[in-house]
Amino acid sequence: MKIIVIGAVAAGTSAAAKARRNSEDAEITIYERDSFISYSGCGMPYFLGGEVEKAESLTPRDPAFFKSKYNVEIKTRHEVLSIDAGNKNVSVKDLASGEVFTDHYDKLIIATGARAVTPPIPGREKAHVFTLRNINDMLRIESFLVEKKPRTAAIVGTGFIGLEMCESLTRLGISVTLLEKLPQVTPGLDSDMAVYVEEHLKKNNITVKTGVSITQITEDSVVLADGTTIPAELTLLSTGIRPNGELAASAGVTLGKSGAILVNERMETNLTDVYACGDCTEQFHVVTGQQVYRPLGSTANKTGRIAGDCATGGNLRYRGTLGTGIFRVLGLSVGQTGLSEREAREAGYDIVVNHNIKPDKPEYLGGEEMVIKAVADRATGRILGVQIVGRAGVDKRIDVFATAISFGAKAEDLFYLDLAYAPPFSTTKDPVMYTGMILENAIHGGRPLMTAQELLARQEAGDQVTVIDARVSAQYEKAHVEGANSIPHAEIRDAAELLDQDDVVVTYCNKGTTGNAAQNILINKGFRHVYNLSGGMKQYTVTRKTIRKS
């Protein structure tokens, strides 16, 4: 059996390696138009920032390695020009010699990846304007940094790569300006979580401009639509990627709405004996079951392994994606998994939203605060998605949530997880467990939550809402929710006699715990519509900033 793989980065090489493990007799050839294979694209910002010393660390395997270990032939600088699915042939061009030849396959695996998308900005072709998608891009940026020693940089786009490069360039002493067309940074996050990232960036002397358009890139600046000139001796366009699906489409392979290749759970396309994997494919979402495009290195490796297995008679099946991701920017970790609040609402769920603010471990051992936003389905209690921002412990918790969501966990299930505890690692009730407790109380325990957005919207609409600040008076006097009444927790039992039990009441404290205690008192005294403000005063403060900004 002859297997041809198109593409030799994460998905393609994973497919070839798994195919070889299944079959010693198969003849396996990979065609790759680039000169680098099987590299760590996610490590590139850290090389440019000096955390990774050698570029070779990101490219540990070459064609000789795959030939000796797997007996897989990898031909670099070879571009597949066309696929003849009827005759099971591919037309290949040797980019070094210019020779074009035909090769035959029994099974074909398409792993053509994705490419950087750049907006049509005048000046984008200049020598100091870059994208960062592959090793050649990285080496060009490195050469520019060494030779030109830029003092200023503009990064257009605030996704994972844009913010990781912001951190790396800042490490080099370069003054960075972040430019984002949307009204918030980190477009994948909900706005009430993205604000934490933006505030952190500004505290670290990063200039952030959201809701802006660029009209021109000059030799040493970026010009905005309002005429503002941003100093930029280096400009990085980090404005997203697009799947390389054109080759497949020209052969009759069906593409999805995103332009990526449609595959089933076996990574099969609509064409017989043609598979696809990695960043050129759409996946289905674990929660909704709908087709989504979530290009991630971890997903590329996973889908590549499945494609290689199924092409050689295996039984692996893809189980869907949650789009789980995490990045670090200037000491802050940002993780997300599953549906955002916005996506959950668009999917038609009636949701409960909770902001849980807790330290990653006891404060007496240096615990630092993390903000966990969780979204659950009110009807079933199922966890739909989670976003976390914090300095420490984010990776551990986002992975626990991703695992729980993958297996259909409900809010009440989180409390019963037998998680590892010792003071250097966690609190006795882990923040994951607290999140489950709060959501379970809201869904089943008659302790509803109200988000800051909902409260502000009610107040703006003129709805009658009694807001109670359950903190001590000194905290209320320092700052409080607009229109709130100061009734400290210790006084609320007596004060309850003066309140109308039919009113809509919202209680709050700094982060939520004391607000919940006040809520319990009022509910137990017969009040019918008592909500606790999700995330307390802290979340209200940052949410109000996003609303005023928009």
Protein backbone atom coordinates (compact mmCIF):
# COMPACT_ATOMS: atom_id res chain seq x y z
CA MET A 1 0.00 0.00 0.00
CA LYS A 2 1.28 3.45 -0.93
CA ILE A 3 0.38 6.33 1.41
CA ILE A 4 1.06 9.92 0.37
CA VAL A 5 0.85 12.71 2.94
CA ILE A 6 0.73 16.35 1.86
CA GLY A 7 2.31 18.49 4.56
CA ALA A 8 5.03 17.69 7.10
CA VAL A 9 4.37 19.81 10.16
CA ALA A 10 2.40 18.58 13.19
CA ALA A 11 -0.55 16.77 11.60
CA GLY A 12 1.24 15.29 8.60
CA THR A 13 4.16 13.82 10.49
CA SER A 14 1.85 12.50 13.24
CA ALA A 15 -0.24 10.79 10.56
CA ALA A 16 2.82 9.21 8.95
CA ALA A 17 4.26 8.03 12.26
CA LYS A 18 0.98 6.38 13.31
CA ALA A 19 0.53 4.78 9.89
CA ARG A 20 4.00 3.26 10.19
CA ARG A 21 3.28 1.93 13.68
CA ASN A 22 0.24 0.16 12.25
CA SER A 23 1.87 -1.14 9.10
CA GLU A 24 5.48 -2.05 8.43
CA ASP A 25 4.70 -2.86 4.80
CA ALA A 26 3.18 0.46 3.71
CA GLU A 27 5.26 2.77 1.53
CA ILE A 28 4.88 6.25 3.04
CA THR A 29 5.94 9.50 1.37
CA ILE A 30 5.40 13.04 2.65
CA TYR A 31 5.61 16.03 0.32
CA GLU A 32 6.34 19.37 1.98
CA ARG A 33 6.82 22.62 0.07
CA ASP A 34 8.70 24.29 2.93
CA SER A 35 12.25 23.48 3.99
CA PHE A 36 11.37 22.86 7.67
CA ILE A 37 9.31 19.97 9.02
CA SER A 38 7.74 18.87 12.30
CA TYR A 39 8.53 22.14 14.06
CA SER A 40 7.09 23.73 17.17
CA GLY A 41 5.26 26.75 15.80
CA CYS A 42 3.94 27.60 19.25
CA GLY A 43 7.52 28.01 20.51
CA MET A 44 8.48 30.68 17.99
CA PRO A 45 7.59 33.75 20.09
CA TYR A 46 9.72 32.39 22.94
CA PHE A 47 12.74 31.97 20.68
CA LEU A 48 12.36 35.55 19.45
CA GLY A 49 12.12 36.75 23.05
CA GLY A 50 15.26 34.89 24.08
CA GLU A 51 13.67 32.23 26.30
CA VAL A 52 14.56 29.52 23.79
CA GLU A 53 18.25 29.85 23.02
CA LYS A 54 18.57 27.93 19.75
CA ALA A 55 16.26 27.86 16.76
CA GLU A 56 17.22 24.22 16.31
CA SER A 57 15.36 23.43 19.54
CA LEU A 58 12.12 24.09 17.65
CA THR A 59 13.10 21.87 14.71
CA PRO A 60 14.48 18.73 16.38
CA ARG A 61 13.53 16.33 13.58
CA ASP A 62 14.62 16.38 9.96
CA PRO A 63 13.83 14.07 7.02
CA ALA A 64 16.77 11.84 7.93
CA PHE A 65 15.26 11.25 11.38
CA PHE A 66 11.94 10.11 9.91
CA LYS A 67 13.71 7.92 7.38
CA SER A 68 15.84 6.18 10.00
CA LYS A 69 13.20 5.83 12.73
CA TYR A 70 9.99 5.36 10.73
CA ASN A 71 11.19 4.52 7.23
CA VAL A 72 9.14 7.47 6.00
CA GLU A 73 10.38 9.41 3.00
CA ILE A 74 9.97 13.16 3.45
CA LYS A 75 10.64 15.30 0.39
CA THR A 76 10.97 18.96 1.35
CA ARG A 77 10.70 21.79 -1.16
CA HIS A 78 8.21 19.65 -3.07
CA GLU A 79 4.81 21.22 -3.74
CA VAL A 80 1.76 19.15 -4.65
CA LEU A 81 0.13 21.04 -7.51
CA SER A 82 -2.99 18.96 -8.02
CA ILE A 83 -4.83 15.81 -6.95
CA ASP A 84 -6.48 13.43 -9.42
CA ALA A 85 -8.77 11.51 -7.07
CA GLY A 86 -10.23 9.39 -9.85
CA ASN A 87 -6.87 7.92 -10.83
CA LYS A 88 -5.35 8.32 -7.35
CA ASN A 89 -2.48 10.47 -8.57
CA VAL A 90 -0.86 13.67 -7.38
CA SER A 91 1.14 16.10 -9.49
CA VAL A 92 4.25 17.29 -7.66
CA LYS A 93 6.75 20.05 -8.40
CA ASP A 94 10.34 19.88 -7.16
CA LEU A 95 10.84 23.54 -6.23
CA ALA A 96 14.62 23.21 -6.40
CA SER A 97 14.86 21.81 -9.93
CA GLY A 98 11.51 22.88 -11.34
CA GLU A 99 10.73 19.29 -12.36
CA VAL A 100 7.06 18.28 -12.29
CA PHE A 101 6.18 14.60 -11.88
CA THR A 102 3.25 12.34 -11.01
CA ASP A 103 3.03 10.00 -8.02
CA HIS A 104 0.39 7.38 -7.29
CA TYR A 105 -1.30 6.69 -3.96
CA ASP A 106 -3.60 4.12 -2.45
CA LYS A 107 -4.38 6.38 0.51
CA LEU A 108 -3.94 10.15 0.57
CA ILE A 109 -3.72 12.30 3.72
CA ILE A 110 -4.06 16.04 3.26
CA ALA A 111 -2.35 18.11 5.98
CA THR A 112 -1.83 21.41 4.19
CA GLY A 113 -2.28 23.56 7.31
CA ALA A 114 -3.18 27.21 7.26
CA ARG A 115 -1.62 30.52 6.30
CA ALA A 116 -1.51 33.96 7.84
CA VAL A 117 -4.17 36.41 6.72
CA THR A 118 -3.10 40.01 6.28
CA PRO A 119 -5.49 42.92 5.74
CA PRO A 120 -4.93 44.99 2.56
CA ILE A 121 -3.08 47.81 4.30
CA PRO A 122 -0.88 50.02 2.10
CA GLY A 123 2.71 49.37 3.14
CA ARG A 124 2.24 45.79 4.28
CA GLU A 125 4.87 44.66 1.76
CA LYS A 126 7.63 46.68 3.43
CA ALA A 127 10.71 44.90 4.75
CA HIS A 128 9.94 45.72 8.40
CA VAL A 129 6.41 44.26 8.27
CA PHE A 130 6.06 40.61 9.26
CA THR A 131 3.70 37.75 9.96
CA LEU A 132 4.66 34.83 12.19
CA ARG A 133 3.36 31.52 10.92
CA ASN A 134 6.38 29.33 10.21
CA ILE A 135 10.10 28.95 10.92
CA ASN A 136 11.10 31.03 7.91
CA ASP A 137 8.97 33.89 9.25
CA MET A 138 10.67 33.51 12.62
CA LEU A 139 14.15 33.58 11.13
CA ARG A 140 13.35 36.71 9.12
CA ILE A 141 12.14 38.47 12.26
CA GLU A 142 15.20 37.33 14.18
CA SER A 143 17.50 38.67 11.46
CA PHE A 144 15.68 42.00 11.50
CA LEU A 145 15.88 42.25 15.30
CA VAL A 146 19.62 41.57 15.25
CA GLU A 147 20.49 43.84 12.33
CA LYS A 148 18.10 46.78 12.77
CA LYS A 149 17.66 46.75 16.56
CA PRO A 150 14.19 48.36 16.48
CA ARG A 151 13.15 50.39 19.49
CA THR A 152 9.43 50.49 18.73
CA ALA A 153 6.97 47.91 17.47
CA ALA A 154 3.29 47.78 16.55
CA ILE A 155 1.41 44.50 16.78
CA VAL A 156 -1.82 44.41 14.81
CA GLY A 157 -4.18 41.87 16.37
CA THR A 158 -4.43 40.63 19.95
CA GLY A 159 -4.92 36.89 19.67
CA PHE A 160 -2.56 34.31 21.15
CA ILE A 161 0.41 35.01 18.86
CA GLY A 162 0.01 38.78 19.05
CA LEU A 163 0.09 38.82 22.84
CA GLU A 164 2.88 36.25 23.10
CA MET A 165 4.94 38.38 20.73
CA CYS A 166 4.08 41.44 22.81
CA GLU A 167 5.66 39.71 25.79
CA SER A 168 8.71 38.60 23.80
CA LEU A 169 9.43 41.99 22.24
CA THR A 170 8.96 43.68 25.61
CA ARG A 171 11.58 41.32 27.05
CA LEU A 172 13.97 42.69 24.44
CA GLY A 173 13.38 46.26 25.60
CA ILE A 174 11.21 47.22 22.64
CA SER A 175 8.32 49.62 23.24
CA VAL A 176 5.17 47.86 22.03
CA THR A 177 1.81 49.22 20.91
CA LEU A 178 -1.08 46.78 20.49
CA LEU A 179 -3.68 47.64 17.86
CA GLU A 180 -7.04 45.85 17.73
CA LYS A 181 -9.95 46.48 15.37
CA LEU A 182 -12.49 45.05 17.82
CA PRO A 183 -13.51 46.96 20.97
CA GLN A 184 -11.54 44.55 23.21
CA VAL A 185 -8.30 42.61 23.28
CA THR A 186 -8.28 38.78 23.09
CA PRO A 187 -11.30 38.42 20.77
CA GLY A 188 -11.94 34.84 21.92
CA LEU A 189 -12.73 35.95 25.48
CA ASP A 190 -15.92 37.56 26.70
CA SER A 191 -15.49 41.29 27.19
CA ASP A 192 -15.85 41.07 30.99
CA MET A 193 -12.78 38.80 31.08
CA ALA A 194 -10.81 40.51 28.34
CA VAL A 195 -10.78 43.68 30.42
CA TYR A 196 -8.51 41.97 32.97
CA VAL A 197 -5.99 41.27 30.21
CA GLU A 198 -6.13 44.84 28.93
CA GLU A 199 -5.64 46.31 32.40
CA HIS A 200 -2.67 44.01 32.96
CA LEU A 201 -1.09 45.09 29.69
CA LYS A 202 -1.46 48.76 30.55
CA LYS A 203 0.02 48.22 34.02
CA ASN A 204 3.06 46.79 32.26
CA ASN A 205 3.49 49.90 30.11
CA ILE A 206 2.00 48.43 26.95
CA THR A 207 0.07 50.94 24.86
CA VAL A 208 -3.27 49.38 23.90
CA LYS A 209 -5.61 50.83 21.29
CA THR A 210 -8.85 49.00 20.60
CA GLY A 211 -11.57 49.80 18.08
CA VAL A 212 -9.04 51.23 15.63
CA SER A 213 -8.45 50.89 11.89
CA ILE A 214 -5.13 51.22 10.09
CA THR A 215 -4.83 53.21 6.86
CA GLN A 216 -1.11 52.97 6.15
CA ILE A 217 2.19 51.48 7.26
CA THR A 218 5.16 53.78 6.72
CA GLU A 219 8.87 53.10 7.16
CA ASP A 220 8.74 53.82 10.88
CA SER A 221 5.09 54.11 11.89
CA VAL A 222 1.53 52.87 11.59
CA VAL A 223 -1.11 55.45 10.69
CA LEU A 224 -4.61 55.05 12.11
CA ALA A 225 -7.86 56.12 10.46
CA ASP A 226 -8.20 59.08 12.82
CA GLY A 227 -4.76 60.36 11.78
CA THR A 228 -2.90 59.13 14.87
CA THR A 229 0.65 58.00 14.11
CA ILE A 230 2.01 55.05 16.08
CA PRO A 231 5.83 54.73 16.18
CA ALA A 232 6.75 51.32 14.76
CA GLU A 233 10.17 50.43 13.43
CA LEU A 234 8.81 46.86 13.34
CA THR A 235 5.22 45.91 12.56
CA LEU A 236 3.76 42.45 13.14
CA LEU A 237 0.47 41.56 11.48
CA SER A 238 -1.18 39.00 13.73
CA THR A 239 -4.66 39.18 12.25
CA GLY A 240 -5.61 35.53 12.03
CA ILE A 241 -5.13 32.56 9.74
CA ARG A 242 -7.00 30.91 6.88
CA PRO A 243 -7.08 27.16 6.14
CA ASN A 244 -5.25 25.96 3.04
CA GLY A 245 -8.20 24.18 1.50
CA GLU A 246 -7.84 25.23 -2.12
CA LEU A 247 -5.82 22.21 -3.29
CA ALA A 248 -8.34 19.82 -1.76
CA ALA A 249 -11.30 21.75 -3.15
CA SER A 250 -9.87 21.67 -6.66
CA ALA A 251 -9.87 17.88 -6.42
CA GLY A 252 -13.53 17.77 -5.39
CA VAL A 253 -13.11 17.64 -1.61
CA THR A 254 -15.99 19.30 0.24
CA LEU A 255 -15.13 22.35 2.35
CA GLY A 256 -17.02 23.72 5.34
CA LYS A 257 -18.24 27.26 5.95
CA SER A 258 -14.83 28.30 7.24
CA GLY A 259 -13.09 27.18 4.04
CA ALA A 260 -11.53 24.27 5.90
CA ILE A 261 -11.96 20.65 4.82
CA LEU A 262 -14.99 18.75 6.09
CA VAL A 263 -14.07 15.40 7.61
CA ASN A 264 -15.91 12.77 9.60
CA GLU A 265 -14.78 11.27 12.90
CA ARG A 266 -12.34 9.03 10.99
CA MET A 267 -10.80 12.08 9.28
CA GLU A 268 -12.25 10.89 5.97
CA THR A 269 -13.25 13.43 3.35
CA ASN A 270 -16.08 12.91 0.87
CA LEU A 271 -13.59 11.31 -1.55
CA THR A 272 -12.73 7.62 -1.25
CA ASP A 273 -9.34 6.95 0.38
CA VAL A 274 -8.69 10.67 0.93
CA TYR A 275 -8.21 11.82 4.51
CA ALA A 276 -7.42 15.24 6.00
CA CYS A 277 -6.14 16.46 9.35
CA GLY A 278 -4.72 19.46 11.18
CA ASP A 279 -5.26 23.17 10.58
CA CYS A 280 -6.78 22.63 7.14
CA THR A 281 -9.80 20.81 8.62
CA GLU A 282 -12.99 21.72 10.45
CA GLN A 283 -13.87 19.87 13.62
CA PHE A 284 -17.14 19.37 15.49
CA HIS A 285 -17.67 20.92 18.91
CA VAL A 286 -17.99 18.65 21.94
CA VAL A 287 -20.80 20.71 23.45
CA THR A 288 -22.92 21.73 20.45
CA GLY A 289 -21.98 19.05 17.93
CA GLN A 290 -21.75 21.81 15.32
CA GLN A 291 -18.88 22.30 12.87
CA VAL A 292 -16.26 24.77 14.07
CA TYR A 293 -12.78 25.84 13.01
CA ARG A 294 -10.38 25.73 15.96
CA PRO A 295 -6.80 25.43 14.66
CA LEU A 296 -4.56 24.36 17.53
CA GLY A 297 -1.26 22.47 17.68
CA SER A 298 -2.69 19.91 20.07
CA THR A 299 -5.64 19.27 17.76
CA ALA A 300 -3.34 18.95 14.75
CA ASN A 301 -1.33 16.20 16.44
CA LYS A 302 -4.49 14.42 17.58
CA THR A 303 -6.26 14.50 14.22
CA GLY A 304 -3.05 13.51 12.45
CA ARG A 305 -2.74 10.40 14.59
CA ILE A 306 -6.36 9.47 13.87
CA ALA A 307 -5.93 9.97 10.12
CA GLY A 308 -2.81 7.79 10.06
CA ASP A 309 -4.56 5.11 12.08
CA CYS A 310 -7.72 5.00 9.99
CA ALA A 311 -5.78 5.07 6.71
CA THR A 312 -4.14 1.82 7.82
CA GLY A 313 -7.26 0.05 9.04
CA GLY A 314 -7.38 1.33 12.63
CA ASN A 315 -10.43 2.20 14.71
CA LEU A 316 -9.56 5.55 16.28
CA ARG A 317 -12.36 8.14 16.19
CA TYR A 318 -12.26 11.87 16.76
CA ARG A 319 -14.38 12.93 19.74
CA GLY A 320 -14.66 16.64 19.07
CA THR A 321 -12.99 19.86 20.13
CA LEU A 322 -13.54 22.31 22.97
CA GLY A 323 -11.11 24.86 21.58
CA THR A 324 -9.14 24.67 24.82
CA GLY A 325 -6.30 27.16 24.81
CA ILE A 326 -3.97 29.03 27.11
CA PHE A 327 -1.37 31.74 26.72
CA ARG A 328 0.92 33.80 28.91
CA VAL A 329 1.48 37.52 28.60
CA LEU A 330 3.84 39.38 30.93
CA GLY A 331 3.26 36.97 33.81
CA LEU A 332 -0.51 36.66 33.37
CA SER A 333 -2.01 33.33 32.29
CA VAL A 334 -5.22 33.29 30.27
CA GLY A 335 -7.08 30.06 29.59
CA GLN A 336 -10.39 29.12 28.03
CA THR A 337 -12.32 26.00 27.10
CA GLY A 338 -15.75 25.26 25.69
CA LEU A 339 -18.31 27.93 24.86
CA SER A 340 -17.98 31.57 25.80
CA GLU A 341 -21.05 33.32 27.19
CA ARG A 342 -21.59 34.90 23.80
CA GLU A 343 -21.33 31.56 21.98
CA ALA A 344 -23.62 29.83 24.47
CA ARG A 345 -26.33 32.45 24.00
CA GLU A 346 -25.96 32.28 20.21
CA ALA A 347 -26.34 28.50 20.42
CA GLY A 348 -29.70 28.98 22.15
CA TYR A 349 -28.83 27.92 25.69
CA ASP A 350 -30.58 29.43 28.71
CA ILE A 351 -27.44 29.97 30.76
CA VAL A 352 -26.24 30.68 34.27
CA VAL A 353 -23.03 32.71 34.49
CA ASN A 354 -20.73 32.77 37.49
CA HIS A 355 -17.58 34.79 38.24
CA ASN A 356 -15.60 33.04 40.97
CA ILE A 357 -12.61 34.96 42.36
CA LYS A 358 -10.30 32.82 44.48
CA PRO A 359 -6.56 32.37 45.14
CA ASP A 360 -4.80 29.47 43.44
CA LYS A 361 -3.49 28.34 46.85
CA PRO A 362 -3.63 29.72 50.40
CA GLU A 363 -2.52 33.33 50.68
CA TYR A 364 -0.18 32.38 53.52
CA LEU A 365 1.84 30.45 50.92
CA GLY A 366 1.76 33.18 48.31
CA GLY A 367 -1.54 32.35 46.69
CA GLU A 368 -2.54 34.77 43.95
CA GLU A 369 -6.04 35.63 42.81
CA MET A 370 -7.58 34.08 39.73
CA VAL A 371 -10.89 34.98 38.12
CA ILE A 372 -12.91 32.02 36.86
CA LYS A 373 -15.90 32.68 34.64
CA ALA A 374 -18.06 29.61 34.13
CA VAL A 375 -21.13 29.17 31.94
CA ALA A 376 -23.66 26.41 32.59
CA ASP A 377 -26.93 25.28 31.03
CA ARG A 378 -29.78 26.19 33.37
CA ALA A 379 -31.98 23.32 32.16
CA THR A 380 -29.51 20.48 32.69
CA GLY A 381 -26.75 21.98 34.85
CA ARG A 382 -24.14 20.95 32.29
CA ILE A 383 -20.94 23.02 32.25
CA LEU A 384 -20.69 24.66 28.82
CA GLY A 385 -17.51 26.70 29.04
CA VAL A 386 -14.94 28.33 31.29
CA GLN A 387 -12.50 31.25 31.05
CA ILE A 388 -9.76 31.90 33.62
CA VAL A 389 -7.38 34.81 34.14
CA GLY A 390 -4.68 34.74 36.82
CA ARG A 391 -0.98 34.63 37.55
CA ALA A 392 -0.74 31.06 38.81
CA GLY A 393 -2.67 27.80 38.68
CA VAL A 394 -4.66 28.65 35.56
CA ASP A 395 -3.29 25.74 33.52
CA LYS A 396 -4.24 23.17 36.15
CA ARG A 397 -7.81 24.42 36.51
CA ILE A 398 -8.55 24.92 32.82
CA ASP A 399 -7.47 21.33 32.17
CA VAL A 400 -9.75 20.05 34.94
CA PHE A 401 -12.66 21.99 33.45
CA ALA A 402 -11.85 20.77 29.92
CA THR A 403 -11.85 17.18 31.16
CA ALA A 404 -15.11 17.67 33.03
CA ILE A 405 -16.85 19.27 30.05
CA SER A 406 -15.58 16.51 27.74
CA PHE A 407 -17.38 13.94 29.87
CA GLY A 408 -20.56 15.98 30.21
CA ALA A 409 -20.09 17.07 33.82
CA LYS A 410 -22.80 19.09 35.52
CA ALA A 411 -22.28 21.92 37.98
CA GLU A 412 -22.96 19.69 40.98
CA ASP A 413 -20.38 17.16 39.81
CA LEU A 414 -17.50 19.60 40.26
CA PHE A 415 -17.86 19.66 44.06
CA TYR A 416 -17.38 15.89 44.22
CA LEU A 417 -14.14 15.80 42.24
CA ASP A 418 -11.39 14.25 44.36
CA LEU A 419 -8.73 16.83 43.53
CA ALA A 420 -5.22 16.86 44.96
CA TYR A 421 -4.81 19.14 47.96
CA ALA A 422 -1.87 20.41 49.95
CA PRO A 423 -1.25 24.07 50.82
CA PRO A 424 1.60 24.55 48.30
CA PHE A 425 -0.78 23.54 45.49
CA SER A 426 -4.37 24.45 46.30
CA THR A 427 -6.93 25.50 48.86
CA THR A 428 -8.92 22.82 50.71
CA LYS A 429 -11.90 23.49 48.49
CA ASP A 430 -10.27 24.05 45.14
CA PRO A 431 -11.52 26.96 42.99
CA VAL A 432 -12.90 24.34 40.59
CA MET A 433 -15.03 22.92 43.40
CA TYR A 434 -16.15 26.41 44.49
CA THR A 435 -17.26 27.12 40.92
CA GLY A 436 -19.41 24.01 40.98
CA MET A 437 -20.86 24.89 44.38
CA ILE A 438 -21.85 28.40 43.29
CA LEU A 439 -23.42 27.22 40.04
CA GLU A 440 -25.24 24.35 41.73
CA ASN A 441 -26.67 26.75 44.31
CA ALA A 442 -27.83 29.05 41.53
CA ILE A 443 -29.38 26.29 39.41
CA HIS A 444 -30.85 23.97 42.04
CA GLY A 445 -30.43 25.69 45.40
CA GLY A 446 -32.56 28.77 44.95
CA ARG A 447 -29.56 31.11 45.18
CA PRO A 448 -29.66 32.90 41.82
CA LEU A 449 -26.86 35.05 40.45
CA MET A 450 -27.03 38.33 38.60
CA THR A 451 -24.11 39.46 36.47
CA ALA A 452 -22.90 43.02 36.46
CA GLN A 453 -24.11 43.37 32.85
CA GLU A 454 -27.61 42.31 33.88
CA LEU A 455 -27.67 44.67 36.86
CA LEU A 456 -26.43 47.62 34.85
CA ALA A 457 -28.95 46.88 32.10
CA ARG A 458 -31.81 46.77 34.63
CA GLN A 459 -30.72 50.01 36.22
CA GLU A 460 -30.40 51.72 32.84
CA ALA A 461 -33.89 50.50 31.91
CA GLY A 462 -35.24 52.03 35.11
CA ASP A 463 -36.25 48.73 36.72
CA GLN A 464 -36.82 48.80 40.46
CA VAL A 465 -33.87 46.97 42.02
CA THR A 466 -32.78 47.19 45.65
CA VAL A 467 -29.00 46.81 45.82
CA ILE A 468 -27.43 45.95 49.17
CA ASP A 469 -23.73 46.38 49.88
CA ALA A 470 -23.02 43.79 52.58
CA ARG A 471 -19.45 44.96 53.25
CA VAL A 472 -18.38 47.12 56.19
CA SER A 473 -19.16 50.80 55.90
CA ALA A 474 -15.57 51.84 55.23
CA GLN A 475 -15.46 49.71 52.07
CA TYR A 476 -18.80 51.08 50.90
CA GLU A 477 -17.58 54.64 51.36
CA LYS A 478 -14.47 53.93 49.31
CA ALA A 479 -16.43 52.67 46.28
CA HIS A 480 -19.78 51.01 45.74
CA VAL A 481 -22.31 49.95 43.14
CA GLU A 482 -24.31 52.89 41.89
CA GLY A 483 -27.50 53.26 43.93
CA ALA A 484 -26.48 50.65 46.51
CA ASN A 485 -27.56 50.78 50.15
CA SER A 486 -24.92 50.12 52.79
CA ILE A 487 -26.19 47.33 55.05
CA PRO A 488 -23.22 45.39 56.47
CA HIS A 489 -23.64 41.66 56.82
CA ALA A 490 -23.72 41.90 60.64
CA GLU A 491 -26.72 44.27 60.47
CA ILE A 492 -28.76 42.70 57.71
CA ARG A 493 -31.02 40.57 59.95
CA ASP A 494 -32.36 43.64 61.71
CA ALA A 495 -32.48 45.76 58.56
CA ALA A 496 -34.48 43.09 56.74
CA GLU A 497 -37.54 44.07 58.77
CA LEU A 498 -37.57 47.42 56.96
CA LEU A 499 -37.34 45.98 53.43
CA ASP A 500 -40.12 44.78 51.13
CA GLN A 501 -39.96 41.01 50.67
CA ASP A 502 -41.45 41.31 47.15
CA ASP A 503 -38.73 43.61 45.86
CA VAL A 504 -35.98 42.42 43.52
CA VAL A 505 -32.90 42.53 45.75
CA VAL A 506 -29.23 42.19 44.73
CA THR A 507 -26.64 41.62 47.44
CA TYR A 508 -22.90 41.95 46.99
CA CYS A 509 -19.52 42.14 48.68
CA ASN A 510 -15.99 42.38 47.31
CA LYS A 511 -15.96 39.06 45.44
CA GLY A 512 -19.15 37.16 46.25
CA THR A 513 -18.85 35.18 49.49
CA THR A 514 -20.32 37.68 51.95
CA GLY A 515 -22.88 38.70 49.34
CA ASN A 516 -24.04 35.09 49.29
CA ALA A 517 -24.25 35.04 53.09
CA ALA A 518 -26.48 38.12 52.99
CA GLN A 519 -28.55 36.52 50.24
CA ASN A 520 -29.08 33.43 52.41
CA ILE A 521 -30.34 35.51 55.31
CA LEU A 522 -32.87 37.37 53.19
CA ILE A 523 -34.12 34.23 51.43
CA ASN A 524 -34.52 32.45 54.75
CA LYS A 525 -36.53 35.41 56.02
CA GLY A 526 -38.99 35.03 53.17
CA PHE A 527 -37.64 37.37 50.50
CA ARG A 528 -38.72 36.03 47.11
CA HIS A 529 -36.34 37.57 44.54
CA VAL A 530 -32.82 37.82 45.97
CA TYR A 531 -29.77 37.65 43.73
CA ASN A 532 -26.07 37.64 44.54
CA LEU A 533 -23.94 39.84 42.29
CA SER A 534 -21.62 37.50 40.36
CA GLY A 535 -18.00 38.30 41.22
CA GLY A 536 -19.02 41.08 43.59
CA MET A 537 -17.66 44.60 43.50
CA LYS A 538 -14.50 43.54 41.71
CA GLN A 539 -16.32 42.13 38.71
CA TYR A 540 -18.80 45.00 38.70
CA THR A 541 -15.97 47.51 38.51
CA VAL A 542 -14.26 45.94 35.51
CA THR A 543 -17.54 45.21 33.74
CA ARG A 544 -18.66 48.81 34.04
CA LYS A 545 -15.42 49.85 32.35
CA THR A 546 -16.15 47.64 29.35
CA ILE A 547 -19.71 48.94 29.03
CA ARG A 548 -18.62 52.58 29.25
CA LYS A 549 -15.89 51.89 26.70
CA SER A 550 -18.32 50.35 24.23
